Amino acid sequence: MATTQLPLNLKHRPALGGEDFLLAPSNQDAVAWLDKWPDWPSTGLVIHGPTGSGKTHLAQVFLAQSGGRLIQHEEVLGDTAYAFAQAPACILEDADKLTGHRANEEALLHIYNALGETKCHLLLTARTPPGQWKISLPDLSSRLNAAASVAIGVPDDTLITALLVKQFADRQLSVDESLIAYLIPRMERSFDAVQRLVDAADKAALAGQQKITKPLLGRVLRDMETT
Protein backbone atom coordinates (compact mmCIF):
# COMPACT_ATOMS: atom_id res chain seq x y z
CA MET A 1 0.00 0.00 0.00
CA ALA A 2 1.60 3.28 -1.11
CA THR A 3 2.02 6.03 1.44
CA THR A 4 0.94 9.48 0.29
CA GLN A 5 3.29 12.37 1.02
CA LEU A 6 1.53 14.21 3.83
CA PRO A 7 2.00 17.76 5.07
CA LEU A 8 3.18 18.70 8.53
CA ASN A 9 4.71 15.28 9.19
CA LEU A 10 1.52 13.55 10.32
CA LYS A 11 2.13 9.85 10.77
CA HIS A 12 0.41 7.57 8.28
CA ARG A 13 -0.88 4.26 9.66
CA PRO A 14 -2.02 1.39 7.45
CA ALA A 15 -5.07 -0.45 8.78
CA LEU A 16 -5.09 -4.20 8.27
CA GLY A 17 -7.85 -4.92 5.80
CA GLY A 18 -9.29 -1.42 6.20
CA GLU A 19 -8.72 2.18 5.32
CA ASP A 20 -5.54 3.99 6.21
CA PHE A 21 -5.70 6.55 8.96
CA LEU A 22 -3.64 9.47 10.18
CA LEU A 23 -2.36 10.19 13.64
CA ALA A 24 -3.01 13.68 14.97
CA PRO A 25 -3.37 15.37 18.37
CA SER A 26 -7.15 14.97 18.17
CA ASN A 27 -7.02 11.17 17.94
CA GLN A 28 -3.64 10.09 19.31
CA ASP A 29 -4.92 9.12 22.78
CA ALA A 30 -7.67 6.94 21.30
CA VAL A 31 -5.22 5.32 18.89
CA ALA A 32 -2.84 4.60 21.78
CA TRP A 33 -5.63 2.72 23.56
CA LEU A 34 -6.42 0.67 20.46
CA ASP A 35 -2.74 -0.18 20.14
CA LYS A 36 -2.80 -1.57 23.70
CA TRP A 37 -5.39 -4.19 22.78
CA PRO A 38 -5.74 -6.94 23.96
CA ASP A 39 -4.04 -5.62 27.10
CA TRP A 40 -6.96 -3.48 28.26
CA PRO A 41 -7.60 -3.21 32.00
CA SER A 42 -11.30 -3.98 31.67
CA THR A 43 -13.77 -5.56 29.26
CA GLY A 44 -14.82 -2.27 27.72
CA LEU A 45 -13.25 0.78 26.11
CA VAL A 46 -15.37 3.83 25.32
CA ILE A 47 -14.22 6.28 22.65
CA HIS A 48 -16.35 9.40 22.88
CA GLY A 49 -16.45 12.60 20.90
CA PRO A 50 -18.66 14.84 18.74
CA THR A 51 -20.15 13.88 15.40
CA GLY A 52 -17.52 13.96 12.67
CA SER A 53 -14.57 13.37 14.96
CA GLY A 54 -13.66 10.04 13.36
CA LYS A 55 -15.09 7.54 15.86
CA THR A 56 -16.51 5.33 13.12
CA HIS A 57 -13.21 5.53 11.24
CA LEU A 58 -11.30 4.27 14.28
CA ALA A 59 -13.94 1.62 14.98
CA GLN A 60 -13.45 0.24 11.47
CA VAL A 61 -9.70 0.27 11.94
CA PHE A 62 -10.08 -1.67 15.20
CA LEU A 63 -12.51 -4.09 13.57
CA ALA A 64 -9.84 -4.98 11.00
CA GLN A 65 -7.02 -4.94 13.54
CA SER A 66 -8.74 -7.27 16.00
CA GLY A 67 -10.64 -9.53 13.61
CA GLY A 68 -13.62 -8.63 15.75
CA ARG A 69 -17.36 -8.44 15.21
CA LEU A 70 -19.58 -5.40 14.74
CA ILE A 71 -22.74 -5.48 16.85
CA GLN A 72 -25.71 -3.87 15.12
CA HIS A 73 -28.26 -2.09 17.33
CA GLU A 74 -31.02 -4.43 16.23
CA GLU A 75 -28.92 -7.39 17.39
CA VAL A 76 -28.65 -6.17 20.98
CA LEU A 77 -32.11 -7.43 21.92
CA GLY A 78 -31.53 -10.81 20.29
CA ASP A 79 -30.39 -13.93 22.11
CA THR A 80 -26.87 -13.58 20.73
CA ALA A 81 -24.73 -12.50 23.69
CA TYR A 82 -22.72 -15.71 23.88
CA ALA A 83 -22.31 -15.80 20.10
CA PHE A 84 -20.72 -12.35 20.32
CA ALA A 85 -18.50 -13.60 23.12
CA GLN A 86 -16.78 -16.07 20.79
CA ALA A 87 -15.16 -13.22 18.87
CA PRO A 88 -11.80 -11.78 19.98
CA ALA A 89 -13.44 -8.37 20.26
CA CYS A 90 -16.75 -6.65 19.52
CA ILE A 91 -17.61 -3.11 18.45
CA LEU A 92 -20.83 -1.27 19.31
CA GLU A 93 -21.20 2.18 17.78
CA ASP A 94 -23.43 4.95 19.14
CA ALA A 95 -23.86 2.99 22.35
CA ASP A 96 -25.28 6.03 24.14
CA LYS A 97 -28.33 5.90 21.85
CA LEU A 98 -29.29 2.51 23.32
CA THR A 99 -29.57 3.72 26.90
CA GLY A 100 -32.68 5.19 28.47
CA HIS A 101 -34.70 2.09 27.57
CA ARG A 102 -34.86 -0.68 30.15
CA ALA A 103 -34.95 -3.58 27.67
CA ASN A 104 -31.94 -2.23 25.77
CA GLU A 105 -30.00 -1.70 28.97
CA GLU A 106 -30.71 -5.19 30.29
CA ALA A 107 -29.66 -6.71 26.95
CA LEU A 108 -26.50 -4.59 26.85
CA LEU A 109 -25.62 -5.64 30.40
CA HIS A 110 -26.11 -9.29 29.43
CA ILE A 111 -23.78 -8.83 26.45
CA TYR A 112 -21.18 -7.02 28.55
CA ASN A 113 -21.18 -9.78 31.17
CA ALA A 114 -20.99 -12.53 28.53
CA LEU A 115 -18.01 -10.86 26.87
CA GLY A 116 -16.29 -10.48 30.22
CA GLU A 117 -16.65 -14.19 30.92
CA THR A 118 -14.76 -15.13 27.74
CA LYS A 119 -12.21 -12.29 27.95
CA CYS A 120 -13.68 -10.77 24.81
CA HIS A 121 -13.32 -6.99 24.68
CA LEU A 122 -15.96 -4.46 23.71
CA LEU A 123 -15.20 -1.15 21.98
CA LEU A 124 -18.06 1.30 22.36
CA THR A 125 -18.34 4.66 20.62
CA ALA A 126 -20.55 7.51 21.81
CA ARG A 127 -20.88 11.27 21.79
CA THR A 128 -20.24 11.61 25.52
CA PRO A 129 -18.61 9.55 28.30
CA PRO A 130 -20.80 6.96 30.09
CA GLY A 131 -21.25 9.21 33.11
CA GLN A 132 -23.42 11.47 30.93
CA TRP A 133 -25.61 8.72 29.46
CA LYS A 134 -29.17 8.25 30.67
CA ILE A 135 -28.64 4.84 32.25
CA SER A 136 -31.35 3.62 34.62
CA LEU A 137 -29.86 0.18 35.32
CA PRO A 138 -27.34 0.51 38.19
CA ASP A 139 -25.31 -2.58 37.25
CA LEU A 140 -24.86 -1.38 33.67
CA SER A 141 -23.96 2.12 34.84
CA SER A 142 -21.36 0.69 37.21
CA ARG A 143 -19.71 -1.46 34.54
CA LEU A 144 -19.60 1.21 31.87
CA ASN A 145 -18.29 3.87 34.23
CA ALA A 146 -15.56 1.43 35.30
CA ALA A 147 -14.53 0.88 31.68
CA ALA A 148 -11.62 2.77 30.18
CA SER A 149 -12.80 5.95 28.46
CA VAL A 150 -10.95 8.23 26.05
CA ALA A 151 -12.00 11.37 24.21
CA ILE A 152 -11.48 12.07 20.53
CA GLY A 153 -11.69 15.62 19.24
CA VAL A 154 -12.96 17.22 16.04
CA PRO A 155 -10.21 17.13 13.38
CA ASP A 156 -8.06 20.25 13.49
CA ASP A 157 -6.72 22.13 10.45
CA THR A 158 -3.61 19.95 10.36
CA LEU A 159 -5.59 16.72 10.15
CA ILE A 160 -8.18 18.11 7.72
CA THR A 161 -5.35 19.27 5.45
CA ALA A 162 -3.72 15.85 5.52
CA LEU A 163 -7.03 14.10 4.89
CA LEU A 164 -7.76 16.31 1.89
CA VAL A 165 -4.30 15.75 0.43
CA LYS A 166 -4.62 12.00 0.85
CA GLN A 167 -8.16 11.77 -0.54
CA PHE A 168 -7.28 13.79 -3.64
CA ALA A 169 -4.05 11.80 -4.15
CA ASP A 170 -5.91 8.50 -3.77
CA ARG A 171 -8.09 9.57 -6.70
CA GLN A 172 -5.02 10.70 -8.67
CA LEU A 173 -6.30 14.27 -8.70
CA SER A 174 -3.73 17.06 -8.89
CA VAL A 175 -4.63 19.79 -6.39
CA ASP A 176 -2.44 22.80 -5.69
CA GLU A 177 -1.64 23.74 -2.09
CA SER A 178 -3.48 27.03 -2.58
CA LEU A 179 -6.68 25.11 -3.26
CA ILE A 180 -6.32 23.14 -0.03
CA ALA A 181 -5.76 26.44 1.79
CA TYR A 182 -8.93 27.78 0.13
CA LEU A 183 -10.99 24.84 1.39
CA ILE A 184 -9.80 24.72 5.01
CA PRO A 185 -11.65 27.80 6.40
CA ARG A 186 -14.77 27.13 4.34
CA MET A 187 -15.59 23.48 4.97
CA GLU A 188 -17.10 21.43 7.75
CA ARG A 189 -14.61 19.84 10.17
CA SER A 190 -15.36 16.14 9.83
CA PHE A 191 -14.05 12.96 8.22
CA ASP A 192 -17.32 12.53 6.37
CA ALA A 193 -17.22 16.08 4.98
CA VAL A 194 -13.75 15.52 3.53
CA GLN A 195 -14.87 12.37 1.74
CA ARG A 196 -18.07 13.97 0.43
CA LEU A 197 -16.25 17.09 -0.77
CA VAL A 198 -13.51 15.20 -2.61
CA ASP A 199 -16.05 12.84 -4.17
CA ALA A 200 -18.18 15.76 -5.36
CA ALA A 201 -15.15 17.62 -6.71
CA ASP A 202 -13.99 14.52 -8.58
CA LYS A 203 -17.41 14.04 -10.18
CA ALA A 204 -17.71 17.74 -11.09
CA ALA A 205 -14.25 17.78 -12.69
CA LEU A 206 -15.03 14.61 -14.63
CA ALA A 207 -18.40 15.93 -15.81
CA GLY A 208 -16.84 19.20 -16.97
CA GLN A 209 -13.69 17.51 -18.28
CA GLN A 210 -11.61 20.02 -16.36
CA LYS A 211 -9.02 20.24 -13.63
CA ILE A 212 -9.83 21.00 -10.00
CA THR A 213 -10.00 24.79 -9.73
CA LYS A 214 -11.08 27.33 -7.14
CA PRO A 215 -14.36 28.16 -8.97
CA LEU A 216 -15.16 24.44 -9.20
CA LEU A 217 -14.49 23.96 -5.49
CA GLY A 218 -16.59 27.02 -4.72
CA ARG A 219 -19.54 25.47 -6.55
CA VAL A 220 -19.02 22.18 -4.72
CA LEU A 221 -19.02 23.94 -1.35
CA ARG A 222 -22.21 25.84 -2.19
CA ASP A 223 -23.91 22.64 -3.33
CA MET A 224 -22.90 20.91 -0.09
CA GLU A 225 -24.44 23.73 1.94
CA THR A 226 -27.81 23.23 0.25
CA THR A 227 -27.95 19.42 0.51
C-alpha atoms as a PDB file:
ATOM      1  CA  MET A   1       0.000   0.000   0.000  1.00  0.00           C
ATOM      2  CA  ALA A   2       1.603   3.275  -1.107  1.00  0.00           C
ATOM      3  CA  THR A   3       2.022   6.025   1.441  1.00  0.00           C
ATOM      4  CA  THR A   4       0.942   9.484   0.287  1.00  0.00           C
ATOM      5  CA  GLN A   5       3.291  12.374   1.017  1.00  0.00           C
ATOM      6  CA  LEU A   6       1.533  14.208   3.825  1.00  0.00           C
ATOM      7  CA  PRO A   7       1.997  17.761   5.072  1.00  0.00           C
ATOM      8  CA  LEU A   8       3.184  18.703   8.535  1.00  0.00           C
ATOM      9  CA  ASN A   9       4.709  15.282   9.192  1.00  0.00           C
ATOM     10  CA  LEU A  10       1.524  13.548  10.317  1.00  0.00           C
ATOM     11  CA  LYS A  11       2.134   9.845  10.771  1.00  0.00           C
ATOM     12  CA  HIS A  12       0.405   7.572   8.282  1.00  0.00           C
ATOM     13  CA  ARG A  13      -0.878   4.262   9.660  1.00  0.00           C
ATOM     14  CA  PRO A  14      -2.021   1.388   7.446  1.00  0.00           C
ATOM     15  CA  ALA A  15      -5.068  -0.448   8.779  1.00  0.00           C
ATOM     16  CA  LEU A  16      -5.085  -4.202   8.267  1.00  0.00           C
ATOM     17  CA  GLY A  17      -7.855  -4.916   5.798  1.00  0.00           C
ATOM     18  CA  GLY A  18      -9.293  -1.424   6.198  1.00  0.00           C
ATOM     19  CA  GLU A  19      -8.720   2.182   5.321  1.00  0.00           C
ATOM     20  CA  ASP A  20      -5.542   3.988   6.208  1.00  0.00           C
ATOM     21  CA  PHE A  21      -5.698   6.551   8.964  1.00  0.00           C
ATOM     22  CA  LEU A  22      -3.644   9.469  10.176  1.00  0.00           C
ATOM     23  CA  LEU A  23      -2.364  10.188  13.639  1.00  0.00           C
ATOM     24  CA  ALA A  24      -3.009  13.682  14.968  1.00  0.00           C
ATOM     25  CA  PRO A  25      -3.367  15.372  18.370  1.00  0.00           C
ATOM     26  CA  SER A  26      -7.152  14.972  18.168  1.00  0.00           C
ATOM     27  CA  ASN A  27      -7.017  11.171  17.939  1.00  0.00           C
ATOM     28  CA  GLN A  28      -3.639  10.091  19.312  1.00  0.00           C
ATOM     29  CA  ASP A  29      -4.923   9.116  22.779  1.00  0.00           C
ATOM     30  CA  ALA A  30      -7.670   6.942  21.298  1.00  0.00           C
ATOM     31  CA  VAL A  31      -5.222   5.317  18.894  1.00  0.00           C
ATOM     32  CA  ALA A  32      -2.840   4.597  21.777  1.00  0.00           C
ATOM     33  CA  TRP A  33      -5.633   2.719  23.560  1.00  0.00           C
ATOM     34  CA  LEU A  34      -6.425   0.672  20.455  1.00  0.00           C
ATOM     35  CA  ASP A  35      -2.741  -0.181  20.144  1.00  0.00           C
ATOM     36  CA  LYS A  36      -2.797  -1.570  23.698  1.00  0.00           C
ATOM     37  CA  TRP A  37      -5.387  -4.187  22.776  1.00  0.00           C
ATOM     38  CA  PRO A  38      -5.743  -6.939  23.963  1.00  0.00           C
ATOM     39  CA  ASP A  39      -4.042  -5.622  27.104  1.00  0.00           C
ATOM     40  CA  TRP A  40      -6.963  -3.484  28.256  1.00  0.00           C
ATOM     41  CA  PRO A  41      -7.596  -3.207  32.003  1.00  0.00           C
ATOM     42  CA  SER A  42     -11.304  -3.975  31.668  1.00  0.00           C
ATOM     43  CA  THR A  43     -13.770  -5.559  29.262  1.00  0.00           C
ATOM     44  CA  GLY A  44     -14.820  -2.274  27.721  1.00  0.00           C
ATOM     45  CA  LEU A  45     -13.246   0.781  26.106  1.00  0.00           C
ATOM     46  CA  VAL A  46     -15.372   3.826  25.323  1.00  0.00           C
ATOM     47  CA  ILE A  47     -14.215   6.278  22.653  1.00  0.00           C
ATOM     48  CA  HIS A  48     -16.348   9.404  22.884  1.00  0.00           C
ATOM     49  CA  GLY A  49     -16.452  12.603  20.902  1.00  0.00           C
ATOM     50  CA  PRO A  50     -18.663  14.836  18.744  1.00  0.00           C
ATOM     51  CA  THR A  51     -20.147  13.878  15.398  1.00  0.00           C
ATOM     52  CA  GLY A  52     -17.524  13.961  12.666  1.00  0.00           C
ATOM     53  CA  SER A  53     -14.570  13.367  14.962  1.00  0.00           C
ATOM     54  CA  GLY A  54     -13.661  10.038  13.363  1.00  0.00           C
ATOM     55  CA  LYS A  55     -15.093   7.542  15.861  1.00  0.00           C
ATOM     56  CA  THR A  56     -16.512   5.330  13.122  1.00  0.00           C
ATOM     57  CA  HIS A  57     -13.212   5.526  11.239  1.00  0.00           C
ATOM     58  CA  LEU A  58     -11.304   4.269  14.284  1.00  0.00           C
ATOM     59  CA  ALA A  59     -13.944   1.621  14.980  1.00  0.00           C
ATOM     60  CA  GLN A  60     -13.454   0.242  11.471  1.00  0.00           C
ATOM     61  CA  VAL A  61      -9.696   0.272  11.941  1.00  0.00           C
ATOM     62  CA  PHE A  62     -10.083  -1.665  15.203  1.00  0.00           C
ATOM     63  CA  LEU A  63     -12.510  -4.095  13.568  1.00  0.00           C
ATOM     64  CA  ALA A  64      -9.841  -4.982  11.003  1.00  0.00           C
ATOM     65  CA  GLN A  65      -7.021  -4.941  13.543  1.00  0.00           C
ATOM     66  CA  SER A  66      -8.744  -7.274  16.000  1.00  0.00           C
ATOM     67  CA  GLY A  67     -10.639  -9.526  13.615  1.00  0.00           C
ATOM     68  CA  GLY A  68     -13.624  -8.625  15.745  1.00  0.00           C
ATOM     69  CA  ARG A  69     -17.357  -8.440  15.214  1.00  0.00           C
ATOM     70  CA  LEU A  70     -19.575  -5.397  14.737  1.00  0.00           C
ATOM     71  CA  ILE A  71     -22.743  -5.483  16.853  1.00  0.00           C
ATOM     72  CA  GLN A  72     -25.706  -3.867  15.116  1.00  0.00           C
ATOM     73  CA  HIS A  73     -28.255  -2.086  17.326  1.00  0.00           C
ATOM     74  CA  GLU A  74     -31.022  -4.427  16.233  1.00  0.00           C
ATOM     75  CA  GLU A  75     -28.920  -7.393  17.390  1.00  0.00           C
ATOM     76  CA  VAL A  76     -28.646  -6.169  20.979  1.00  0.00           C
ATOM     77  CA  LEU A  77     -32.108  -7.435  21.918  1.00  0.00           C
ATOM     78  CA  GLY A  78     -31.535 -10.812  20.286  1.00  0.00           C
ATOM     79  CA  ASP A  79     -30.392 -13.931  22.106  1.00  0.00           C
ATOM     80  CA  THR A  80     -26.867 -13.583  20.735  1.00  0.00           C
ATOM     81  CA  ALA A  81     -24.728 -12.505  23.692  1.00  0.00           C
ATOM     82  CA  TYR A  82     -22.720 -15.712  23.877  1.00  0.00           C
ATOM     83  CA  ALA A  83     -22.306 -15.799  20.096  1.00  0.00           C
ATOM     84  CA  PHE A  84     -20.722 -12.351  20.315  1.00  0.00           C
ATOM     85  CA  ALA A  85     -18.496 -13.597  23.122  1.00  0.00           C
ATOM     86  CA  GLN A  86     -16.784 -16.073  20.795  1.00  0.00           C
ATOM     87  CA  ALA A  87     -15.159 -13.224  18.873  1.00  0.00           C
ATOM     88  CA  PRO A  88     -11.802 -11.784  19.984  1.00  0.00           C
ATOM     89  CA  ALA A  89     -13.445  -8.369  20.261  1.00  0.00           C
ATOM     90  CA  CYS A  90     -16.751  -6.645  19.518  1.00  0.00           C
ATOM     91  CA  ILE A  91     -17.611  -3.113  18.447  1.00  0.00           C
ATOM     92  CA  LEU A  92     -20.826  -1.272  19.315  1.00  0.00           C
ATOM     93  CA  GLU A  93     -21.198   2.176  17.777  1.00  0.00           C
ATOM     94  CA  ASP A  94     -23.431   4.954  19.139  1.00  0.00           C
ATOM     95  CA  ALA A  95     -23.857   2.994  22.352  1.00  0.00           C
ATOM     96  CA  ASP A  96     -25.284   6.027  24.144  1.00  0.00           C
ATOM     97  CA  LYS A  97     -28.334   5.897  21.855  1.00  0.00           C
ATOM     98  CA  LEU A  98     -29.292   2.512  23.321  1.00  0.00           C
ATOM     99  CA  THR A  99     -29.568   3.716  26.902  1.00  0.00           C
ATOM    100  CA  GLY A 100     -32.676   5.189  28.468  1.00  0.00           C
ATOM    101  CA  HIS A 101     -34.705   2.087  27.571  1.00  0.00           C
ATOM    102  CA  ARG A 102     -34.858  -0.679  30.150  1.00  0.00           C
ATOM    103  CA  ALA A 103     -34.949  -3.576  27.666  1.00  0.00           C
ATOM    104  CA  ASN A 104     -31.941  -2.231  25.769  1.00  0.00           C
ATOM    105  CA  GLU A 105     -29.999  -1.699  28.974  1.00  0.00           C
ATOM    106  CA  GLU A 106     -30.708  -5.188  30.285  1.00  0.00           C
ATOM    107  CA  ALA A 107     -29.661  -6.713  26.952  1.00  0.00           C
ATOM    108  CA  LEU A 108     -26.501  -4.593  26.851  1.00  0.00           C
ATOM    109  CA  LEU A 109     -25.623  -5.637  30.403  1.00  0.00           C
ATOM    110  CA  HIS A 110     -26.106  -9.295  29.425  1.00  0.00           C
ATOM    111  CA  ILE A 111     -23.775  -8.834  26.448  1.00  0.00           C
ATOM    112  CA  TYR A 112     -21.175  -7.018  28.546  1.00  0.00           C
ATOM    113  CA  ASN A 113     -21.183  -9.783  31.165  1.00  0.00           C
ATOM    114  CA  ALA A 114     -20.986 -12.527  28.528  1.00  0.00           C
ATOM    115  CA  LEU A 115     -18.006 -10.864  26.873  1.00  0.00           C
ATOM    116  CA  GLY A 116     -16.293 -10.480  30.220  1.00  0.00           C
ATOM    117  CA  GLU A 117     -16.646 -14.195  30.924  1.00  0.00           C
ATOM    118  CA  THR A 118     -14.760 -15.133  27.742  1.00  0.00           C
ATOM    119  CA  LYS A 119     -12.210 -12.291  27.950  1.00  0.00           C
ATOM    120  CA  CYS A 120     -13.683 -10.770  24.813  1.00  0.00           C
ATOM    121  CA  HIS A 121     -13.323  -6.995  24.684  1.00  0.00           C
ATOM    122  CA  LEU A 122     -15.956  -4.455  23.705  1.00  0.00           C
ATOM    123  CA  LEU A 123     -15.197  -1.153  21.981  1.00  0.00           C
ATOM    124  CA  LEU A 124     -18.061   1.301  22.358  1.00  0.00           C
ATOM    125  CA  THR A 125     -18.342   4.663  20.623  1.00  0.00           C
ATOM    126  CA  ALA A 126     -20.550   7.505  21.812  1.00  0.00           C
ATOM    127  CA  ARG A 127     -20.883  11.266  21.790  1.00  0.00           C
ATOM    128  CA  THR A 128     -20.243  11.612  25.522  1.00  0.00           C
ATOM    129  CA  PRO A 129     -18.606   9.550  28.302  1.00  0.00           C
ATOM    130  CA  PRO A 130     -20.802   6.965  30.086  1.00  0.00           C
ATOM    131  CA  GLY A 131     -21.252   9.212  33.112  1.00  0.00           C
ATOM    132  CA  GLN A 132     -23.422  11.473  30.933  1.00  0.00           C
ATOM    133  CA  TRP A 133     -25.611   8.719  29.460  1.00  0.00           C
ATOM    134  CA  LYS A 134     -29.171   8.252  30.671  1.00  0.00           C
ATOM    135  CA  ILE A 135     -28.637   4.837  32.246  1.00  0.00           C
ATOM    136  CA  SER A 136     -31.352   3.619  34.618  1.00  0.00           C
ATOM    137  CA  LEU A 137     -29.857   0.177  35.317  1.00  0.00           C
ATOM    138  CA  PRO A 138     -27.340   0.512  38.190  1.00  0.00           C
ATOM    139  CA  ASP A 139     -25.306  -2.583  37.247  1.00  0.00           C
ATOM    140  CA  LEU A 140     -24.856  -1.376  33.672  1.00  0.00           C
ATOM    141  CA  SER A 141     -23.962   2.118  34.843  1.00  0.00           C
ATOM    142  CA  SER A 142     -21.362   0.686  37.206  1.00  0.00           C
ATOM    143  CA  ARG A 143     -19.713  -1.462  34.540  1.00  0.00           C
ATOM    144  CA  LEU A 144     -19.600   1.210  31.870  1.00  0.00           C
ATOM    145  CA  ASN A 145     -18.294   3.867  34.230  1.00  0.00           C
ATOM    146  CA  ALA A 146     -15.563   1.433  35.298  1.00  0.00           C
ATOM    147  CA  ALA A 147     -14.530   0.877  31.675  1.00  0.00           C
ATOM    148  CA  ALA A 148     -11.617   2.768  30.179  1.00  0.00           C
ATOM    149  CA  SER A 149     -12.799   5.948  28.464  1.00  0.00           C
ATOM    150  CA  VAL A 150     -10.947   8.229  26.053  1.00  0.00           C
ATOM    151  CA  ALA A 151     -12.000  11.371  24.214  1.00  0.00           C
ATOM    152  CA  ILE A 152     -11.476  12.074  20.527  1.00  0.00           C
ATOM    153  CA  GLY A 153     -11.688  15.625  19.236  1.00  0.00           C
ATOM    154  CA  VAL A 154     -12.962  17.216  16.042  1.00  0.00           C
ATOM    155  CA  PRO A 155     -10.213  17.126  13.380  1.00  0.00           C
ATOM    156  CA  ASP A 156      -8.060  20.247  13.487  1.00  0.00           C
ATOM    157  CA  ASP A 157      -6.721  22.128  10.451  1.00  0.00           C
ATOM    158  CA  THR A 158      -3.615  19.947  10.362  1.00  0.00           C
ATOM    159  CA  LEU A 159      -5.586  16.720  10.149  1.00  0.00           C
ATOM    160  CA  ILE A 160      -8.185  18.109   7.720  1.00  0.00           C
ATOM    161  CA  THR A 161      -5.350  19.272   5.450  1.00  0.00           C
ATOM    162  CA  ALA A 162      -3.715  15.851   5.524  1.00  0.00           C
ATOM    163  CA  LEU A 163      -7.030  14.096   4.890  1.00  0.00           C
ATOM    164  CA  LEU A 164      -7.764  16.313   1.885  1.00  0.00           C
ATOM    165  CA  VAL A 165      -4.295  15.749   0.425  1.00  0.00           C
ATOM    166  CA  LYS A 166      -4.615  11.998   0.847  1.00  0.00           C
ATOM    167  CA  GLN A 167      -8.165  11.775  -0.536  1.00  0.00           C
ATOM    168  CA  PHE A 168      -7.281  13.788  -3.642  1.00  0.00           C
ATOM    169  CA  ALA A 169      -4.055  11.799  -4.148  1.00  0.00           C
ATOM    170  CA  ASP A 170      -5.914   8.497  -3.767  1.00  0.00           C
ATOM    171  CA  ARG A 171      -8.089   9.574  -6.705  1.00  0.00           C
ATOM    172  CA  GLN A 172      -5.023  10.698  -8.667  1.00  0.00           C
ATOM    173  CA  LEU A 173      -6.296  14.270  -8.697  1.00  0.00           C
ATOM    174  CA  SER A 174      -3.730  17.055  -8.886  1.00  0.00           C
ATOM    175  CA  VAL A 175      -4.631  19.788  -6.394  1.00  0.00           C
ATOM    176  CA  ASP A 176      -2.436  22.800  -5.691  1.00  0.00           C
ATOM    177  CA  GLU A 177      -1.637  23.742  -2.088  1.00  0.00           C
ATOM    178  CA  SER A 178      -3.476  27.032  -2.583  1.00  0.00           C
ATOM    179  CA  LEU A 179      -6.685  25.106  -3.258  1.00  0.00           C
ATOM    180  CA  ILE A 180      -6.321  23.140  -0.025  1.00  0.00           C
ATOM    181  CA  ALA A 181      -5.757  26.441   1.791  1.00  0.00           C
ATOM    182  CA  TYR A 182      -8.928  27.780   0.135  1.00  0.00           C
ATOM    183  CA  LEU A 183     -10.994  24.840   1.394  1.00  0.00           C
ATOM    184  CA  ILE A 184      -9.800  24.721   5.010  1.00  0.00           C
ATOM    185  CA  PRO A 185     -11.651  27.795   6.400  1.00  0.00           C
ATOM    186  CA  ARG A 186     -14.770  27.130   4.337  1.00  0.00           C
ATOM    187  CA  MET A 187     -15.585  23.478   4.971  1.00  0.00           C
ATOM    188  CA  GLU A 188     -17.104  21.427   7.753  1.00  0.00           C
ATOM    189  CA  ARG A 189     -14.607  19.839  10.169  1.00  0.00           C
ATOM    190  CA  SER A 190     -15.358  16.139   9.835  1.00  0.00           C
ATOM    191  CA  PHE A 191     -14.046  12.962   8.223  1.00  0.00           C
ATOM    192  CA  ASP A 192     -17.324  12.533   6.367  1.00  0.00           C
ATOM    193  CA  ALA A 193     -17.223  16.082   4.978  1.00  0.00           C
ATOM    194  CA  VAL A 194     -13.747  15.518   3.529  1.00  0.00           C
ATOM    195  CA  GLN A 195     -14.875  12.372   1.739  1.00  0.00           C
ATOM    196  CA  ARG A 196     -18.070  13.969   0.427  1.00  0.00           C
ATOM    197  CA  LEU A 197     -16.248  17.086  -0.767  1.00  0.00           C
ATOM    198  CA  VAL A 198     -13.505  15.203  -2.612  1.00  0.00           C
ATOM    199  CA  ASP A 199     -16.048  12.845  -4.166  1.00  0.00           C
ATOM    200  CA  ALA A 200     -18.185  15.761  -5.359  1.00  0.00           C
ATOM    201  CA  ALA A 201     -15.149  17.623  -6.712  1.00  0.00           C
ATOM    202  CA  ASP A 202     -13.986  14.518  -8.576  1.00  0.00           C
ATOM    203  CA  LYS A 203     -17.412  14.038 -10.177  1.00  0.00           C
ATOM    204  CA  ALA A 204     -17.705  17.738 -11.088  1.00  0.00           C
ATOM    205  CA  ALA A 205     -14.255  17.784 -12.690  1.00  0.00           C
ATOM    206  CA  LEU A 206     -15.026  14.613 -14.635  1.00  0.00           C
ATOM    207  CA  ALA A 207     -18.400  15.934 -15.806  1.00  0.00           C
ATOM    208  CA  GLY A 208     -16.840  19.201 -16.974  1.00  0.00           C
ATOM    209  CA  GLN A 209     -13.692  17.514 -18.279  1.00  0.00           C
ATOM    210  CA  GLN A 210     -11.605  20.022 -16.361  1.00  0.00           C
ATOM    211  CA  LYS A 211      -9.019  20.237 -13.626  1.00  0.00           C
ATOM    212  CA  ILE A 212      -9.827  20.995  -9.996  1.00  0.00           C
ATOM    213  CA  THR A 213     -10.004  24.792  -9.729  1.00  0.00           C
ATOM    214  CA  LYS A 214     -11.080  27.333  -7.144  1.00  0.00           C
ATOM    215  CA  PRO A 215     -14.356  28.161  -8.970  1.00  0.00           C
ATOM    216  CA  LEU A 216     -15.156  24.445  -9.195  1.00  0.00           C
ATOM    217  CA  LEU A 217     -14.486  23.958  -5.487  1.00  0.00           C
ATOM    218  CA  GLY A 218     -16.590  27.023  -4.719  1.00  0.00           C
ATOM    219  CA  ARG A 219     -19.543  25.466  -6.547  1.00  0.00           C
ATOM    220  CA  VAL A 220     -19.024  22.176  -4.722  1.00  0.00           C
ATOM    221  CA  LEU A 221     -19.018  23.938  -1.354  1.00  0.00           C
ATOM    222  CA  ARG A 222     -22.208  25.840  -2.195  1.00  0.00           C
ATOM    223  CA  ASP A 223     -23.908  22.641  -3.326  1.00  0.00           C
ATOM    224  CA  MET A 224     -22.897  20.908  -0.089  1.00  0.00           C
ATOM    225  CA  GLU A 225     -24.438  23.730   1.940  1.00  0.00           C
ATOM    226  CA  THR A 226     -27.811  23.228   0.251  1.00  0.00           C
ATOM    227  CA  THR A 227     -27.953  19.423   0.512  1.00  0.00           C
END
